[in-house]
Amino acid sequence: MEFSSKLLEKAVNEMAQLPGIGKRTALRLVLHLLKQPEEQTQYLAQALTTMREEIKFCKSCHNISDVALCEICSNPLRNNKVICVVEDIRDVMAIENTGQFKGIYHVLGGKISPVDGIGPSQLHIASLVEKVKAGGIEELIFALSSTMEGDTTNFYIFRQIKDCEVKTSAIARGIAVGDELEYADEVTLGRSILNRIPFEHSMKNL
């Protein structure tokens, strides 16, 4: 792709690094920004810069937050004795959109995947295990994607807390095997949360 401007080329190359954005789409986006009033582009740039500099991660659940303790963890109306274990922030958003879950979350930041070099130490598993062993948690809901990596991660955590007095459950397999949680429709995901099953039962299909 030939560019008449090095500045345009640099902007397109940077935009093309975003997931799902190819060079042609990046060019279309950059040209769109050029057609907008200059202050509109400045607002976008400032919003991205401010987000990158000031964004925080909840000290309790590792969810993205504006403050030290996220709105979900600090909400007195939430049941802090029930923890839903998810892979990342997109899964929190997906489950929250169902309006069916009133507990709190624990964001692992990924799944165990030896092929990709991701082990338990690269994830927020230790803090979850510590939270359970400290007592006060009545139920742990495994809500990772129904993939081999997701099941492996669920099982690893289950082994770490199996001696604790805590109920473990997994979302019902209304989510098709191999599907990513964030792409499930809200009705299916909501029913999966409500119809969760004991985790030991879910392992029988592994």
Protein backbone atom coordinates (compact mmCIF):
# COMPACT_ATOMS: atom_id res chain seq x y z
CA MET A 1 0.00 0.00 0.00
CA GLU A 2 1.54 3.28 -1.17
CA PHE A 3 1.09 6.44 0.92
CA SER A 4 1.48 10.04 -0.19
CA SER A 5 2.26 11.07 3.39
CA LYS A 6 4.61 9.54 5.94
CA LEU A 7 2.41 10.93 8.73
CA LEU A 8 -0.61 9.17 7.24
CA GLU A 9 1.36 5.95 6.84
CA LYS A 10 2.52 6.02 10.46
CA ALA A 11 -1.04 6.62 11.73
CA VAL A 12 -2.37 3.75 9.60
CA ASN A 13 0.37 1.38 10.75
CA GLU A 14 -0.38 2.17 14.40
CA MET A 15 -4.13 1.76 13.91
CA ALA A 16 -3.58 -1.57 12.10
CA GLN A 17 -1.99 -3.02 15.26
CA LEU A 18 -5.40 -3.14 16.93
CA PRO A 19 -7.03 -6.61 16.92
CA GLY A 20 -9.30 -7.22 13.95
CA ILE A 21 -8.09 -4.10 12.14
CA GLY A 22 -6.32 -4.64 8.81
CA LYS A 23 -4.47 -2.03 6.77
CA ARG A 24 -7.50 -1.13 4.62
CA THR A 25 -9.78 -0.71 7.63
CA ALA A 26 -7.08 1.28 9.42
CA LEU A 27 -6.78 3.59 6.41
CA ARG A 28 -10.56 4.10 6.33
CA LEU A 29 -10.60 4.98 10.04
CA VAL A 30 -7.67 7.40 9.77
CA LEU A 31 -9.18 9.14 6.75
CA HIS A 32 -12.46 9.43 8.67
CA LEU A 33 -10.62 11.13 11.54
CA LEU A 34 -9.05 13.57 9.09
CA LYS A 35 -12.51 14.60 7.90
CA GLN A 36 -13.69 15.30 11.46
CA PRO A 37 -13.15 18.64 13.25
CA GLU A 38 -9.68 18.75 14.77
CA GLU A 39 -11.03 18.96 18.33
CA GLN A 40 -12.92 15.68 17.82
CA THR A 41 -9.65 13.87 17.15
CA GLN A 42 -8.11 15.60 20.15
CA TYR A 43 -10.97 14.39 22.37
CA LEU A 44 -10.35 10.82 21.20
CA ALA A 45 -6.59 11.08 21.73
CA GLN A 46 -7.07 12.61 25.19
CA ALA A 47 -9.61 9.95 26.20
CA LEU A 48 -7.19 7.16 25.20
CA THR A 49 -4.24 8.83 26.94
CA THR A 50 -6.20 9.47 30.14
CA MET A 51 -7.52 5.92 30.17
CA ARG A 52 -4.04 4.45 29.72
CA GLU A 53 -2.50 6.63 32.43
CA GLU A 54 -5.24 6.51 35.06
CA ILE A 55 -6.98 3.14 34.66
CA LYS A 56 -6.70 0.85 37.66
CA PHE A 57 -7.36 -2.80 38.48
CA CYS A 58 -9.58 -3.63 41.44
CA LYS A 59 -7.45 -4.75 44.38
CA SER A 60 -9.99 -7.43 45.22
CA CYS A 61 -11.24 -8.95 41.95
CA HIS A 62 -8.74 -7.57 39.38
CA ASN A 63 -11.54 -6.07 37.30
CA ILE A 64 -10.80 -2.84 35.43
CA SER A 65 -11.79 0.14 37.57
CA ASP A 66 -11.41 3.89 38.03
CA VAL A 67 -10.71 3.46 41.76
CA ALA A 68 -8.91 0.98 44.02
CA LEU A 69 -12.05 -1.07 44.70
CA CYS A 70 -14.40 -1.50 41.73
CA GLU A 71 -18.11 -0.57 41.85
CA ILE A 72 -19.19 -4.22 41.97
CA CYS A 73 -16.97 -5.20 44.91
CA SER A 74 -17.87 -2.04 46.84
CA ASN A 75 -21.61 -2.39 46.23
CA PRO A 76 -23.25 -3.38 49.56
CA LEU A 77 -26.18 -4.89 47.66
CA ARG A 78 -23.97 -7.56 46.06
CA ASN A 79 -23.51 -10.97 47.69
CA ASN A 80 -19.79 -11.05 48.46
CA LYS A 81 -20.03 -14.68 49.57
CA VAL A 82 -20.58 -15.89 46.00
CA ILE A 83 -17.71 -15.45 43.53
CA CYS A 84 -18.00 -15.94 39.77
CA VAL A 85 -14.61 -16.82 38.28
CA VAL A 86 -14.12 -15.41 34.77
CA GLU A 87 -11.31 -15.03 32.28
CA ASP A 88 -11.38 -11.27 31.64
CA ILE A 89 -13.32 -8.01 31.81
CA ARG A 90 -15.38 -8.85 28.71
CA ASP A 91 -16.86 -11.84 30.54
CA VAL A 92 -17.81 -9.64 33.51
CA MET A 93 -19.61 -7.30 31.13
CA ALA A 94 -21.35 -10.19 29.37
CA ILE A 95 -22.67 -11.68 32.64
CA GLU A 96 -23.64 -8.28 34.07
CA ASN A 97 -25.72 -7.62 30.94
CA THR A 98 -27.88 -10.65 31.78
CA GLY A 99 -28.96 -9.10 35.08
CA GLN A 100 -29.05 -12.60 36.60
CA PHE A 101 -25.99 -12.58 38.84
CA LYS A 102 -25.88 -10.68 42.13
CA GLY A 103 -22.58 -11.91 43.54
CA ILE A 104 -19.06 -10.62 42.88
CA TYR A 105 -16.35 -11.64 40.42
CA HIS A 106 -12.75 -12.74 40.25
CA VAL A 107 -10.98 -11.97 36.97
CA LEU A 108 -8.15 -14.40 36.25
CA GLY A 109 -6.68 -12.45 33.36
CA GLY A 110 -6.57 -15.47 31.04
CA LYS A 111 -6.60 -19.27 31.01
CA ILE A 112 -3.90 -21.86 31.63
CA SER A 113 -2.41 -22.68 28.23
CA PRO A 114 0.97 -24.46 28.17
CA VAL A 115 1.10 -24.10 24.37
CA ASP A 116 1.05 -20.32 24.78
CA GLY A 117 3.39 -20.41 27.76
CA ILE A 118 0.67 -19.35 30.20
CA GLY A 119 0.85 -21.13 33.54
CA PRO A 120 -0.97 -20.62 36.86
CA SER A 121 1.63 -18.10 38.04
CA GLN A 122 0.79 -15.77 35.15
CA LEU A 123 -2.86 -15.61 36.24
CA HIS A 124 -4.66 -14.24 39.33
CA ILE A 125 -5.21 -17.70 40.76
CA ALA A 126 -3.17 -17.40 43.96
CA SER A 127 -5.23 -14.43 45.20
CA LEU A 128 -8.45 -16.37 44.52
CA VAL A 129 -7.22 -19.40 46.47
CA GLU A 130 -6.15 -17.14 49.35
CA LYS A 131 -9.59 -15.51 49.34
CA VAL A 132 -11.33 -18.88 49.58
CA LYS A 133 -8.98 -20.25 52.25
CA ALA A 134 -9.51 -17.12 54.34
CA GLY A 135 -13.13 -18.22 54.80
CA GLY A 136 -16.45 -16.50 54.30
CA ILE A 137 -16.93 -17.63 50.70
CA GLU A 138 -19.94 -19.91 50.28
CA GLU A 139 -19.81 -20.64 46.55
CA LEU A 140 -17.37 -20.44 43.68
CA ILE A 141 -18.93 -20.40 40.20
CA PHE A 142 -16.62 -21.42 37.35
CA ALA A 143 -17.66 -19.37 34.32
CA LEU A 144 -14.72 -19.80 31.97
CA SER A 145 -15.23 -20.57 28.30
CA SER A 146 -16.01 -24.23 27.63
CA THR A 147 -12.71 -24.96 25.91
CA MET A 148 -9.89 -27.34 26.85
CA GLU A 149 -7.94 -24.43 28.35
CA GLY A 150 -10.99 -23.26 30.28
CA ASP A 151 -11.68 -26.73 31.67
CA THR A 152 -8.01 -27.17 32.58
CA THR A 153 -8.04 -23.88 34.49
CA ASN A 154 -11.27 -24.77 36.28
CA PHE A 155 -9.86 -28.13 37.34
CA TYR A 156 -6.57 -26.62 38.54
CA ILE A 157 -8.41 -24.14 40.77
CA PHE A 158 -10.76 -26.87 42.00
CA ARG A 159 -7.78 -28.98 43.10
CA GLN A 160 -6.33 -26.01 44.99
CA ILE A 161 -9.49 -25.46 47.06
CA LYS A 162 -10.94 -28.99 47.28
CA ASP A 163 -10.27 -29.20 51.02
CA CYS A 164 -12.03 -25.91 51.73
CA GLU A 165 -15.63 -25.75 52.86
CA VAL A 166 -16.92 -24.00 49.77
CA LYS A 167 -19.52 -25.05 47.21
CA THR A 168 -18.20 -25.18 43.64
CA SER A 169 -20.41 -24.99 40.59
CA ALA A 170 -20.04 -24.46 36.85
CA ILE A 171 -22.33 -22.60 34.49
CA ALA A 172 -24.71 -24.95 32.68
CA ARG A 173 -23.55 -26.12 29.28
CA GLY A 174 -26.10 -24.01 27.48
CA ILE A 175 -22.86 -22.48 26.27
CA ALA A 176 -21.71 -24.71 23.42
CA VAL A 177 -18.40 -26.53 23.90
CA GLY A 178 -15.62 -24.50 22.31
CA ASP A 179 -17.55 -21.20 22.48
CA GLU A 180 -16.12 -18.06 24.02
CA LEU A 181 -18.28 -16.65 26.81
CA GLU A 182 -18.33 -13.09 25.48
CA TYR A 183 -20.08 -14.18 22.25
CA ALA A 184 -22.97 -15.98 23.96
CA ASP A 185 -26.35 -14.27 23.77
CA GLU A 186 -27.60 -12.77 27.02
CA VAL A 187 -30.58 -15.11 27.44
CA THR A 188 -28.45 -18.26 27.06
CA LEU A 189 -25.74 -16.88 29.33
CA GLY A 190 -28.28 -15.79 31.93
CA ARG A 191 -29.87 -19.23 32.01
CA SER A 192 -26.44 -20.83 32.29
CA ILE A 193 -25.75 -18.77 35.41
CA LEU A 194 -29.13 -19.59 36.97
CA ASN A 195 -28.93 -23.31 36.09
CA ARG A 196 -25.34 -23.82 37.18
CA ILE A 197 -24.38 -27.33 38.28
CA PRO A 198 -21.98 -28.72 40.92
CA PHE A 199 -18.47 -28.55 39.46
CA GLU A 200 -17.81 -32.23 40.19
CA HIS A 201 -20.69 -33.13 37.86
CA SER A 202 -19.26 -31.03 35.05
CA MET A 203 -15.97 -32.97 35.25
CA LYS A 204 -17.72 -36.21 34.29
CA ASN A 205 -17.84 -34.99 30.70
CA LEU A 206 -14.14 -34.18 30.53
